[in-house]
């Protein structure tokens, strides 16, 4: 259910959606964290880049991949964070 919520919030496009999905970055379930990272990338939430970048060291490869792809979607403005 949390994974589906992250996917849906990623498509909503409001700042409230981004704030809600950012809380899922610390979920205990890896695929929920992965979908949360992807949703933030889809929303272009560069303000959350530091939190997404933290997932680059996650123990799950799928979460790391989602974090990398999300950061790529956020664009060059996040380079100072990295």
N, C-alpha and C. Protein backbone atom coordinates (compact mmCIF):
# COMPACT_ATOMS: atom_id res chain seq x y z
N UNK A 1 0.83 -1.19 0.00
CA UNK A 1 0.00 0.00 0.00
C UNK A 1 0.88 1.26 0.00
N UNK A 2 1.97 1.25 0.81
CA UNK A 2 2.84 2.43 0.86
C UNK A 2 3.54 2.63 -0.48
N UNK A 3 3.91 1.53 -1.15
CA UNK A 3 4.54 1.63 -2.47
C UNK A 3 3.58 2.28 -3.45
N UNK A 4 2.33 1.85 -3.46
CA UNK A 4 1.33 2.42 -4.36
C UNK A 4 1.09 3.89 -4.03
N UNK A 5 1.11 4.21 -2.76
CA UNK A 5 0.93 5.61 -2.36
C UNK A 5 2.08 6.46 -2.89
N UNK A 6 3.31 5.96 -2.79
CA UNK A 6 4.47 6.70 -3.29
C UNK A 6 4.35 6.91 -4.80
N UNK A 7 3.95 5.89 -5.53
CA UNK A 7 3.79 6.01 -6.98
C UNK A 7 2.75 7.06 -7.32
N UNK A 8 1.62 7.01 -6.64
CA UNK A 8 0.53 7.95 -6.91
C UNK A 8 0.94 9.37 -6.56
N UNK A 9 1.58 9.55 -5.41
CA UNK A 9 2.01 10.88 -5.01
C UNK A 9 3.02 11.46 -5.98
N UNK A 10 3.84 10.60 -6.58
CA UNK A 10 4.80 11.05 -7.57
C UNK A 10 4.15 11.61 -8.81
N UNK A 11 2.93 11.24 -9.05
CA UNK A 11 2.22 11.72 -10.23
C UNK A 11 1.30 12.91 -9.93
N UNK A 12 1.03 13.14 -8.65
CA UNK A 12 0.11 14.21 -8.26
C UNK A 12 0.70 15.58 -8.59
N UNK A 13 1.95 15.80 -8.22
CA UNK A 13 2.63 17.02 -8.60
C UNK A 13 2.51 18.20 -7.66
N UNK A 14 1.96 18.03 -6.48
CA UNK A 14 1.86 19.16 -5.55
C UNK A 14 2.99 19.11 -4.53
N UNK A 15 3.23 20.23 -3.88
CA UNK A 15 4.29 20.25 -2.87
C UNK A 15 3.92 19.37 -1.68
N UNK A 16 2.63 19.29 -1.37
CA UNK A 16 2.18 18.42 -0.28
C UNK A 16 2.46 16.96 -0.61
N UNK A 17 2.32 16.60 -1.88
CA UNK A 17 2.61 15.22 -2.29
C UNK A 17 4.09 14.92 -2.09
N UNK A 18 4.95 15.85 -2.45
CA UNK A 18 6.38 15.66 -2.27
C UNK A 18 6.78 15.54 -0.81
N UNK A 19 6.14 16.34 0.03
CA UNK A 19 6.42 16.26 1.47
C UNK A 19 6.00 14.92 2.04
N UNK A 20 4.85 14.43 1.58
CA UNK A 20 4.35 13.14 2.07
C UNK A 20 5.25 12.00 1.61
N UNK A 21 5.65 12.01 0.36
CA UNK A 21 6.47 10.92 -0.15
C UNK A 21 7.88 10.96 0.43
N UNK A 22 8.38 12.13 0.79
CA UNK A 22 9.71 12.23 1.39
C UNK A 22 9.79 11.46 2.70
N UNK A 23 8.69 11.38 3.40
CA UNK A 23 8.67 10.63 4.66
C UNK A 23 8.87 9.14 4.43
N UNK A 24 8.58 8.67 3.21
CA UNK A 24 8.73 7.25 2.91
C UNK A 24 10.17 6.86 2.58
N UNK A 25 11.07 7.83 2.50
CA UNK A 25 12.47 7.52 2.21
C UNK A 25 13.13 6.71 3.33
N UNK A 26 12.54 6.72 4.50
CA UNK A 26 13.10 5.98 5.63
C UNK A 26 12.26 4.75 5.98
N UNK A 27 11.38 4.36 5.10
CA UNK A 27 10.54 3.19 5.33
C UNK A 27 11.42 1.95 5.52
N UNK A 28 11.01 1.02 6.36
CA UNK A 28 11.81 -0.19 6.57
C UNK A 28 11.83 -1.15 5.37
N UNK A 29 10.90 -0.99 4.44
CA UNK A 29 10.80 -1.89 3.29
C UNK A 29 11.54 -1.27 2.09
N UNK A 30 12.52 -2.00 1.53
CA UNK A 30 13.34 -1.43 0.45
C UNK A 30 12.55 -0.95 -0.76
N UNK A 31 11.56 -1.71 -1.22
CA UNK A 31 10.87 -1.27 -2.43
C UNK A 31 10.03 -0.03 -2.20
N UNK A 32 9.63 0.22 -0.96
CA UNK A 32 8.92 1.46 -0.65
C UNK A 32 9.90 2.64 -0.73
N UNK A 33 11.11 2.47 -0.17
CA UNK A 33 12.12 3.52 -0.26
C UNK A 33 12.47 3.81 -1.72
N UNK A 34 12.58 2.75 -2.53
CA UNK A 34 12.91 2.92 -3.94
C UNK A 34 11.83 3.72 -4.66
N UNK A 35 10.59 3.37 -4.44
CA UNK A 35 9.50 4.09 -5.11
C UNK A 35 9.38 5.52 -4.59
N UNK A 36 9.69 5.74 -3.33
CA UNK A 36 9.68 7.10 -2.80
C UNK A 36 10.74 7.95 -3.49
N UNK A 37 11.93 7.38 -3.66
CA UNK A 37 13.00 8.11 -4.34
C UNK A 37 12.60 8.42 -5.78
N UNK A 38 12.04 7.45 -6.47
CA UNK A 38 11.60 7.67 -7.86
C UNK A 38 10.53 8.76 -7.93
N UNK A 39 9.60 8.74 -6.98
CA UNK A 39 8.53 9.74 -6.98
C UNK A 39 9.09 11.14 -6.80
N UNK A 40 10.08 11.29 -5.92
CA UNK A 40 10.68 12.61 -5.73
C UNK A 40 11.40 13.08 -6.98
N UNK A 41 12.00 12.15 -7.71
CA UNK A 41 12.63 12.50 -8.98
C UNK A 41 11.60 12.94 -10.00
N UNK A 42 10.49 12.22 -10.07
CA UNK A 42 9.42 12.58 -11.00
C UNK A 42 8.83 13.94 -10.66
N UNK A 43 8.79 14.25 -9.37
CA UNK A 43 8.26 15.54 -8.94
C UNK A 43 9.28 16.67 -9.10
N UNK A 44 10.53 16.31 -9.37
CA UNK A 44 11.58 17.31 -9.51
C UNK A 44 11.91 18.01 -8.21
N UNK A 45 11.80 17.29 -7.11
CA UNK A 45 12.01 17.87 -5.79
C UNK A 45 13.50 17.93 -5.45
N UNK A 46 14.21 18.86 -6.08
CA UNK A 46 15.64 19.04 -5.85
C UNK A 46 15.92 19.42 -4.40
N UNK A 47 14.93 19.97 -3.71
CA UNK A 47 15.12 20.32 -2.30
C UNK A 47 15.29 19.08 -1.43
N UNK A 48 14.93 17.92 -1.95
CA UNK A 48 15.07 16.66 -1.23
C UNK A 48 16.28 15.85 -1.71
N UNK A 49 17.12 16.46 -2.53
CA UNK A 49 18.25 15.75 -3.13
C UNK A 49 19.20 15.20 -2.07
N UNK A 50 19.40 15.92 -0.99
CA UNK A 50 20.31 15.43 0.04
C UNK A 50 19.78 14.16 0.69
N UNK A 51 18.48 14.09 0.89
CA UNK A 51 17.88 12.89 1.48
C UNK A 51 17.92 11.72 0.50
N UNK A 52 17.67 12.00 -0.78
CA UNK A 52 17.74 10.95 -1.80
C UNK A 52 19.19 10.48 -1.95
N UNK A 53 20.13 11.41 -1.93
CA UNK A 53 21.54 11.05 -2.04
C UNK A 53 21.97 10.12 -0.91
N UNK A 54 21.36 10.26 0.24
CA UNK A 54 21.65 9.36 1.35
C UNK A 54 21.33 7.91 1.04
N UNK A 55 20.41 7.70 0.11
CA UNK A 55 20.03 6.33 -0.27
C UNK A 55 21.05 5.69 -1.20
N UNK A 56 22.02 6.45 -1.69
CA UNK A 56 23.05 5.86 -2.54
C UNK A 56 23.90 4.85 -1.76
N UNK A 57 23.85 4.91 -0.46
CA UNK A 57 24.57 3.96 0.39
C UNK A 57 23.67 2.92 1.00
N UNK A 58 22.44 2.81 0.53
CA UNK A 58 21.48 1.84 1.06
C UNK A 58 21.99 0.42 0.84
N UNK A 59 21.60 -0.48 1.69
CA UNK A 59 22.01 -1.88 1.58
C UNK A 59 21.34 -2.64 0.44
N UNK A 60 20.29 -2.10 -0.11
CA UNK A 60 19.56 -2.77 -1.19
C UNK A 60 19.92 -2.13 -2.54
N UNK A 61 20.31 -2.96 -3.49
CA UNK A 61 20.74 -2.43 -4.80
C UNK A 61 19.63 -1.70 -5.52
N UNK A 62 18.39 -2.15 -5.35
CA UNK A 62 17.27 -1.53 -6.04
C UNK A 62 17.05 -0.10 -5.53
N UNK A 63 17.23 0.10 -4.24
CA UNK A 63 17.10 1.44 -3.66
C UNK A 63 18.21 2.34 -4.18
N UNK A 64 19.43 1.81 -4.25
CA UNK A 64 20.55 2.60 -4.77
C UNK A 64 20.31 3.02 -6.22
N UNK A 65 19.81 2.09 -7.03
CA UNK A 65 19.51 2.39 -8.43
C UNK A 65 18.42 3.46 -8.53
N UNK A 66 17.36 3.33 -7.75
CA UNK A 66 16.28 4.30 -7.77
C UNK A 66 16.78 5.68 -7.34
N UNK A 67 17.65 5.71 -6.34
CA UNK A 67 18.20 6.99 -5.88
C UNK A 67 19.02 7.65 -6.98
N UNK A 68 19.86 6.87 -7.66
CA UNK A 68 20.68 7.42 -8.74
C UNK A 68 19.80 7.98 -9.85
N UNK A 69 18.81 7.20 -10.27
CA UNK A 69 17.92 7.65 -11.35
C UNK A 69 17.12 8.87 -10.93
N UNK A 70 16.71 8.93 -9.68
CA UNK A 70 15.97 10.08 -9.18
C UNK A 70 16.83 11.33 -9.21
N UNK A 71 18.08 11.20 -8.78
CA UNK A 71 18.99 12.35 -8.79
C UNK A 71 19.24 12.83 -10.21
N UNK A 72 19.33 11.90 -11.16
CA UNK A 72 19.50 12.29 -12.56
C UNK A 72 18.31 13.09 -13.06
N UNK A 73 17.10 12.70 -12.65
CA UNK A 73 15.90 13.42 -13.06
C UNK A 73 15.85 14.84 -12.48
N UNK A 74 16.46 15.02 -11.32
CA UNK A 74 16.42 16.33 -10.66
C UNK A 74 17.28 17.36 -11.37
N UNK A 75 18.24 16.92 -12.17
CA UNK A 75 19.02 17.84 -12.98
C UNK A 75 20.31 18.31 -12.33
N UNK A 76 20.98 19.18 -13.04
CA UNK A 76 22.31 19.64 -12.65
C UNK A 76 22.31 20.54 -11.43
N UNK A 77 21.18 21.09 -11.06
CA UNK A 77 21.15 22.00 -9.92
C UNK A 77 21.45 21.30 -8.60
N UNK A 78 21.44 19.97 -8.58
CA UNK A 78 21.71 19.25 -7.34
C UNK A 78 23.18 18.94 -7.14
N UNK A 79 24.04 19.26 -8.10
CA UNK A 79 25.46 18.95 -7.97
C UNK A 79 26.09 19.47 -6.69
N UNK A 80 25.77 20.66 -6.23
CA UNK A 80 26.36 21.13 -4.96
C UNK A 80 26.02 20.20 -3.78
N UNK A 81 24.88 19.58 -3.83
CA UNK A 81 24.48 18.66 -2.75
C UNK A 81 25.34 17.41 -2.78
N UNK A 82 25.66 16.96 -3.99
CA UNK A 82 26.44 15.74 -4.12
C UNK A 82 27.90 16.00 -3.86
